[in-house]
Amino acid sequence: MRAIQVTELGGPEVLVPAELDPPVAGPDELLVEVSAAGVNFADTHRTDGSYRGGVTLPFVPGVEIVGRTTSKRRVLAPTFEKGGGYAEYAVAPADRVVDVPEDVSDGQALALLIQGLTAWHVLRKSARMDCGDTVVVNAAAGGVGSLAIQLAKHFGADQVIATASTPAKRELALELGADVAVDNSLDGYVDRVRAATDGRGADIVLDPAGGQAMLAGIDCLADFGRLINYGNAARTGRPAVDPSSLAQRNLSVGGFWLVPALRRPGMYVHPLTAMLELTAEKKLHPLVGAEYPLEEARRSHEDLLARRSTGKLILKP
């Protein structure tokens, strides 16, 4: 089969097309003919060696797939344990396979697996969002951000403030339902967000970057506000936070990682099925970005890292 194999750690240049034997499904696994694989920031961390938990060389990247089983079921599944999504065939845990409605596209389905579940849980579980909250969504034109805007509104947010790097991305965030969209550059970021809340501050800030952006997000919070970090896109790490400084305004800072969250009862099938149904009903609009042939996996990572993309990037074997 055609696949992308990583034999050394590094940047996008280590994503090399290869001919490999198809995987063999073990007990409690299903073989899936992949129609599309999702591209994620976590994939770039795996290939450069910075991913939490590490990797073993050589490996086939890709941890989310949509395709057909040998019985022709159209399914969506994560492949966190073994990877292998950047290929014509992959194996998936049978208990993680979810059927995909025919009127939901491959790209839409893939957008809901990692990005959709992340957006759902950072709002519902980590930030404990209430009706009437003001929510700041950073990187609002990305996979998580674009869905977090819509889900925050669906869950009853009073105001959603989107931040993004270009006028086009900010306009897109408004089209997705954000009430306000502001520039996400750190110079003046706190002032812009606070101005959008009439000086009060936000109840929730969603931070995918870490670094100085995370500290700026804390400064945007209203009393009893919650910042949830769910990534290290800035690649500068998560800064230390002094609990005593948070106590002065009763603030909370939390972190979210999807992989262990999905081991908890009720945190996988129910929300994913709900989002697939909302998408089929045209009530949720996952943002699908560029589509690349499998052999152009390197270019997909280059575009993702250069922030040239919006929405969900997918590879088509």
Protein backbone atom coordinates (compact mmCIF):
# COMPACT_ATOMS: atom_id res chain seq x y z
CA MET A 1 0.00 0.00 0.00
CA ARG A 2 1.00 3.65 -0.37
CA ALA A 3 1.82 5.37 2.90
CA ILE A 4 3.86 8.14 4.48
CA GLN A 5 6.66 6.88 6.70
CA VAL A 6 8.84 8.78 9.17
CA THR A 7 12.27 7.20 9.71
CA GLU A 8 13.95 10.18 11.42
CA LEU A 9 12.66 13.05 13.52
CA GLY A 10 12.47 16.52 12.03
CA GLY A 11 10.27 18.98 10.22
CA PRO A 12 7.89 18.37 7.31
CA GLU A 13 10.80 17.13 5.18
CA VAL A 14 10.80 13.80 7.10
CA LEU A 15 7.36 12.88 5.69
CA VAL A 16 8.44 10.51 2.93
CA PRO A 17 6.15 8.46 0.63
CA ALA A 18 6.76 4.73 0.91
CA GLU A 19 5.37 1.36 -0.20
CA LEU A 20 4.53 -0.76 2.85
CA ASP A 21 2.64 -3.95 3.60
CA PRO A 22 -0.96 -3.26 4.69
CA PRO A 23 -1.55 -3.59 8.44
CA VAL A 24 -3.29 -6.65 9.82
CA ALA A 25 -6.22 -6.14 12.20
CA GLY A 26 -5.72 -7.82 15.55
CA PRO A 27 -8.31 -8.86 18.11
CA ASP A 28 -10.87 -6.11 18.72
CA GLU A 29 -9.62 -4.13 15.72
CA LEU A 30 -11.07 -3.36 12.30
CA LEU A 31 -9.22 -2.90 9.03
CA VAL A 32 -10.31 0.33 7.33
CA GLU A 33 -9.72 1.36 3.72
CA VAL A 34 -8.90 5.02 4.30
CA SER A 35 -10.79 7.56 2.21
CA ALA A 36 -9.29 10.52 4.12
CA ALA A 37 -6.94 11.15 7.03
CA GLY A 38 -6.88 14.24 9.21
CA VAL A 39 -3.83 16.49 9.61
CA ASN A 40 -3.28 17.92 13.10
CA PHE A 41 -0.79 20.10 14.95
CA ALA A 42 -0.15 17.05 17.14
CA ASP A 43 1.12 15.25 14.02
CA THR A 44 3.81 17.92 13.61
CA HIS A 45 4.84 17.41 17.23
CA ARG A 46 5.09 13.66 16.66
CA THR A 47 7.32 14.07 13.62
CA ASP A 48 9.71 16.50 15.32
CA GLY A 49 9.89 14.51 18.56
CA SER A 50 8.19 17.07 20.82
CA TYR A 51 4.96 15.13 21.34
CA ARG A 52 3.90 14.27 24.88
CA GLY A 53 4.70 10.57 25.38
CA GLY A 54 7.16 10.33 22.49
CA VAL A 55 7.17 8.08 19.41
CA THR A 56 9.07 5.03 18.20
CA LEU A 57 10.77 5.12 14.80
CA PRO A 58 9.90 4.26 12.11
CA PHE A 59 6.20 5.10 12.10
CA VAL A 60 3.32 6.08 9.85
CA PRO A 61 1.75 9.32 11.17
CA GLY A 62 -1.93 10.09 11.34
CA VAL A 63 -4.31 9.46 14.25
CA GLU A 64 -7.75 9.99 12.70
CA ILE A 65 -9.31 8.33 9.70
CA VAL A 66 -12.56 8.01 7.84
CA GLY A 67 -13.19 5.16 5.43
CA ARG A 68 -14.87 1.82 4.81
CA THR A 69 -14.50 -1.37 6.79
CA THR A 70 -14.37 -4.76 5.07
CA SER A 71 -18.14 -4.95 5.66
CA LYS A 72 -18.51 -1.57 3.86
CA ARG A 73 -19.52 0.43 6.94
CA ARG A 74 -18.53 4.07 6.54
CA VAL A 75 -16.77 4.90 9.77
CA LEU A 76 -14.80 7.51 11.64
CA ALA A 77 -12.15 6.41 14.12
CA PRO A 78 -9.08 7.56 16.07
CA THR A 79 -5.84 5.58 15.84
CA PHE A 80 -4.05 7.14 18.80
CA GLU A 81 -2.23 4.02 19.93
CA LYS A 82 -0.77 2.87 16.62
CA GLY A 83 -1.07 5.89 14.33
CA GLY A 84 -0.99 4.77 10.71
CA GLY A 85 -3.59 7.13 9.28
CA TYR A 86 -1.41 8.52 6.47
CA ALA A 87 -1.90 5.39 4.35
CA GLU A 88 -4.33 3.55 2.10
CA TYR A 89 -5.23 1.15 4.92
CA ALA A 90 -5.19 1.47 8.71
CA VAL A 91 -6.45 -0.47 11.71
CA ALA A 92 -8.78 1.07 14.27
CA PRO A 93 -10.03 -0.10 17.69
CA ALA A 94 -13.45 -1.65 17.12
CA ASP A 95 -14.91 0.06 20.19
CA ARG A 96 -13.88 3.49 18.87
CA VAL A 97 -15.46 3.21 15.44
CA VAL A 98 -18.46 5.50 14.90
CA ASP A 99 -20.74 5.34 11.85
CA VAL A 100 -20.79 8.45 9.65
CA PRO A 101 -24.03 9.69 8.05
CA GLU A 102 -23.73 9.69 4.27
CA ASP A 103 -24.61 13.38 4.06
CA VAL A 104 -21.58 14.33 6.21
CA SER A 105 -18.44 14.70 4.10
CA ASP A 106 -15.09 13.08 4.91
CA GLY A 107 -13.61 16.46 5.83
CA GLN A 108 -16.54 17.40 8.05
CA ALA A 109 -16.38 14.08 9.88
CA LEU A 110 -12.63 14.36 10.45
CA ALA A 111 -13.05 17.92 11.73
CA LEU A 112 -15.30 16.61 14.47
CA LEU A 113 -13.06 13.85 15.80
CA ILE A 114 -10.10 15.62 17.41
CA GLN A 115 -10.97 19.28 16.89
CA GLY A 116 -14.69 18.87 17.56
CA LEU A 117 -14.27 16.76 20.67
CA THR A 118 -11.60 19.15 21.94
CA ALA A 119 -13.86 22.17 21.43
CA TRP A 120 -16.78 20.36 23.11
CA HIS A 121 -14.84 19.26 26.17
CA VAL A 122 -12.79 22.41 26.79
CA LEU A 123 -16.07 24.31 26.91
CA ARG A 124 -18.24 21.79 28.74
CA LYS A 125 -15.87 19.87 31.00
CA SER A 126 -12.76 21.99 31.53
CA ALA A 127 -14.18 25.53 31.42
CA ARG A 128 -17.60 24.46 32.79
CA MET A 129 -19.30 26.94 30.53
CA ASP A 130 -22.63 28.40 31.68
CA CYS A 131 -25.37 30.08 29.68
CA GLY A 132 -24.59 33.79 29.49
CA ASP A 133 -20.79 33.43 29.62
CA THR A 134 -18.46 35.56 27.55
CA VAL A 135 -16.02 33.28 25.70
CA VAL A 136 -12.78 34.24 23.95
CA VAL A 137 -11.78 31.83 21.20
CA ASN A 138 -8.17 32.21 20.09
CA ALA A 139 -7.04 30.90 16.69
CA ALA A 140 -10.69 31.23 15.74
CA ALA A 141 -10.28 30.23 12.08
CA GLY A 142 -8.56 26.95 12.93
CA GLY A 143 -10.09 23.52 13.39
CA VAL A 144 -10.83 23.80 17.12
CA GLY A 145 -11.54 27.51 17.09
CA SER A 146 -14.05 27.44 14.25
CA LEU A 147 -16.06 24.75 16.03
CA ALA A 148 -15.65 26.32 19.47
CA ILE A 149 -17.33 29.50 18.18
CA GLN A 150 -20.36 27.54 17.01
CA LEU A 151 -20.56 25.23 20.01
CA ALA A 152 -20.22 28.11 22.48
CA LYS A 153 -23.23 29.74 20.83
CA HIS A 154 -25.08 26.41 20.79
CA PHE A 155 -24.38 26.00 24.52
CA GLY A 156 -25.76 29.48 25.28
CA ALA A 157 -22.80 31.90 25.37
CA ASP A 158 -23.88 35.51 25.65
CA GLN A 159 -20.86 36.79 23.72
CA VAL A 160 -18.16 35.05 21.67
CA ILE A 161 -15.02 37.05 20.96
CA ALA A 162 -12.86 35.56 18.21
CA THR A 163 -9.19 36.36 17.75
CA ALA A 164 -7.32 35.69 14.52
CA SER A 165 -4.28 36.90 12.64
CA THR A 166 -5.72 38.30 9.40
CA PRO A 167 -8.79 40.30 8.31
CA ALA A 168 -9.98 37.35 6.22
CA LYS A 169 -9.80 34.97 9.18
CA ARG A 170 -11.60 37.47 11.41
CA GLU A 171 -14.35 37.88 8.82
CA LEU A 172 -14.70 34.10 8.66
CA ALA A 173 -15.07 33.96 12.45
CA LEU A 174 -17.92 36.47 12.27
CA GLU A 175 -19.61 34.39 9.57
CA LEU A 176 -19.38 31.36 11.88
CA GLY A 177 -21.26 33.22 14.61
CA ALA A 178 -18.70 35.21 16.63
CA ASP A 179 -20.06 38.50 17.96
CA VAL A 180 -16.73 40.30 17.76
CA ALA A 181 -13.44 39.49 16.02
CA VAL A 182 -10.12 41.13 16.94
CA ASP A 183 -6.46 40.88 15.93
CA ASN A 184 -4.60 38.22 17.93
CA SER A 185 -1.16 39.87 17.83
CA LEU A 186 0.16 40.17 21.38
CA ASP A 187 0.80 43.90 21.09
CA GLY A 188 -2.45 45.38 22.40
CA TYR A 189 -4.22 42.00 22.63
CA VAL A 190 -5.45 42.44 26.21
CA ASP A 191 -6.73 45.96 25.52
CA ARG A 192 -8.65 44.80 22.44
CA VAL A 193 -10.30 41.88 24.22
CA ARG A 194 -11.19 43.94 27.28
CA ALA A 195 -12.61 46.71 25.07
CA ALA A 196 -14.87 44.12 23.41
CA THR A 197 -16.26 43.27 26.87
CA ASP A 198 -16.71 46.93 27.88
CA GLY A 199 -13.81 46.50 30.28
CA ARG A 200 -15.31 43.63 32.28
CA GLY A 201 -13.16 40.83 30.90
CA ALA A 202 -14.07 37.35 29.70
CA ASP A 203 -15.48 34.43 31.66
CA ILE A 204 -13.59 31.90 29.52
CA VAL A 205 -10.47 32.09 27.36
CA LEU A 206 -9.52 29.13 25.15
CA ASP A 207 -5.76 29.05 24.55
CA PRO A 208 -4.12 26.68 22.03
CA ALA A 209 -0.73 28.41 22.01
CA GLY A 210 0.87 28.53 25.46
CA GLY A 211 3.75 30.93 25.95
CA GLN A 212 3.10 34.65 26.15
CA ALA A 213 -0.33 34.24 24.55
CA MET A 214 -1.41 32.19 27.55
CA LEU A 215 -0.28 34.89 29.98
CA ALA A 216 -2.08 37.54 27.93
CA GLY A 217 -5.22 35.40 28.04
CA ILE A 218 -5.10 35.30 31.84
CA ASP A 219 -4.98 39.11 31.86
CA CYS A 220 -8.21 39.15 29.82
CA LEU A 221 -10.23 37.25 32.42
CA ALA A 222 -13.01 38.70 34.52
CA ASP A 223 -13.27 37.79 38.20
CA PHE A 224 -13.83 34.02 38.54
CA GLY A 225 -12.75 33.62 34.91
CA ARG A 226 -11.27 30.39 33.54
CA LEU A 227 -8.47 29.96 31.00
CA ILE A 228 -8.05 26.52 29.44
CA ASN A 229 -4.84 25.71 27.60
CA TYR A 230 -5.11 22.84 25.13
CA GLY A 231 -1.96 23.12 23.05
CA ASN A 232 1.56 24.41 22.53
CA ALA A 233 1.26 25.95 19.07
CA ALA A 234 3.74 28.69 20.01
CA ARG A 235 6.29 25.95 20.76
CA THR A 236 7.64 27.92 23.71
CA GLY A 237 6.05 25.77 26.42
CA ARG A 238 3.44 26.61 29.05
CA PRO A 239 4.57 29.31 31.47
CA ALA A 240 4.50 28.80 35.22
CA VAL A 241 1.52 30.42 36.93
CA ASP A 242 1.54 31.54 40.58
CA PRO A 243 -1.67 30.38 42.31
CA SER A 244 -1.47 33.33 44.73
CA SER A 245 -1.71 35.76 41.81
CA LEU A 246 -4.78 33.92 40.54
CA ALA A 247 -6.42 34.08 43.97
CA GLN A 248 -6.50 37.88 43.90
CA ARG A 249 -9.32 37.71 41.31
CA ASN A 250 -10.46 34.11 41.91
CA LEU A 251 -9.17 32.98 38.52
CA SER A 252 -8.65 29.40 37.35
CA VAL A 253 -6.16 28.06 34.82
CA GLY A 254 -6.57 24.54 33.50
CA GLY A 255 -5.20 22.25 30.83
CA PHE A 256 -6.84 19.79 28.48
CA TRP A 257 -5.50 16.79 26.56
CA LEU A 258 -7.96 14.78 24.51
CA VAL A 259 -6.32 11.34 24.60
CA PRO A 260 -6.82 10.53 28.32
CA ALA A 261 -10.15 12.36 28.36
CA LEU A 262 -11.61 9.87 25.90
CA ARG A 263 -10.97 7.01 28.33
CA ARG A 264 -13.67 8.42 30.62
CA PRO A 265 -17.23 7.09 30.22
CA GLY A 266 -19.51 9.26 28.13
CA MET A 267 -16.82 11.49 26.64
CA TYR A 268 -16.48 9.90 23.20
CA VAL A 269 -19.49 8.33 21.51
CA HIS A 270 -22.18 10.67 22.86
CA PRO A 271 -20.63 14.06 21.98
CA LEU A 272 -19.22 12.80 18.67
CA THR A 273 -22.56 11.33 17.61
CA ALA A 274 -24.31 14.54 18.67
CA MET A 275 -21.97 16.64 16.54
CA LEU A 276 -22.34 14.34 13.53
CA GLU A 277 -26.12 14.66 13.85
CA LEU A 278 -25.91 18.46 14.16
CA THR A 279 -23.73 18.53 11.05
CA ALA A 280 -26.10 16.30 9.09
CA GLU A 281 -28.94 18.65 10.11
CA LYS A 282 -26.91 21.68 8.91
CA LYS A 283 -26.93 23.13 12.45
CA LEU A 284 -23.17 22.77 12.83
CA HIS A 285 -20.75 23.67 10.07
CA PRO A 286 -17.30 22.10 10.47
CA LEU A 287 -14.80 24.19 8.55
CA VAL A 288 -13.01 22.06 5.97
CA GLY A 289 -9.78 23.52 4.64
CA ALA A 290 -7.38 22.28 2.00
CA GLU A 291 -7.31 18.72 0.66
CA TYR A 292 -3.96 17.18 -0.32
CA PRO A 293 -3.00 13.97 -2.11
CA LEU A 294 -1.31 11.54 0.28
CA GLU A 295 2.06 12.11 -1.37
CA GLU A 296 1.86 15.81 -0.48
CA ALA A 297 1.74 15.24 3.28
CA ARG A 298 4.90 17.35 3.60
CA ARG A 299 3.15 20.34 2.04
CA SER A 300 0.17 19.94 4.36
CA HIS A 301 2.47 20.19 7.40
CA GLU A 302 4.31 23.16 5.90
CA ASP A 303 1.03 25.02 5.35
CA LEU A 304 -0.21 24.16 8.85
CA LEU A 305 2.98 25.34 10.55
CA ALA A 306 3.09 28.52 8.47
CA ARG A 307 -0.49 29.37 9.50
CA ARG A 308 -1.52 29.41 5.83
CA SER A 309 -4.54 27.21 6.49
CA THR A 310 -8.05 27.56 7.84
CA GLY A 311 -10.26 24.76 9.05
CA LYS A 312 -9.54 21.04 8.80
CA LEU A 313 -6.74 19.83 6.54
CA ILE A 314 -7.09 16.34 5.10
CA LEU A 315 -5.01 13.87 3.09
CA LYS A 316 -6.65 11.73 0.41
CA PRO A 317 -4.89 8.42 -0.37
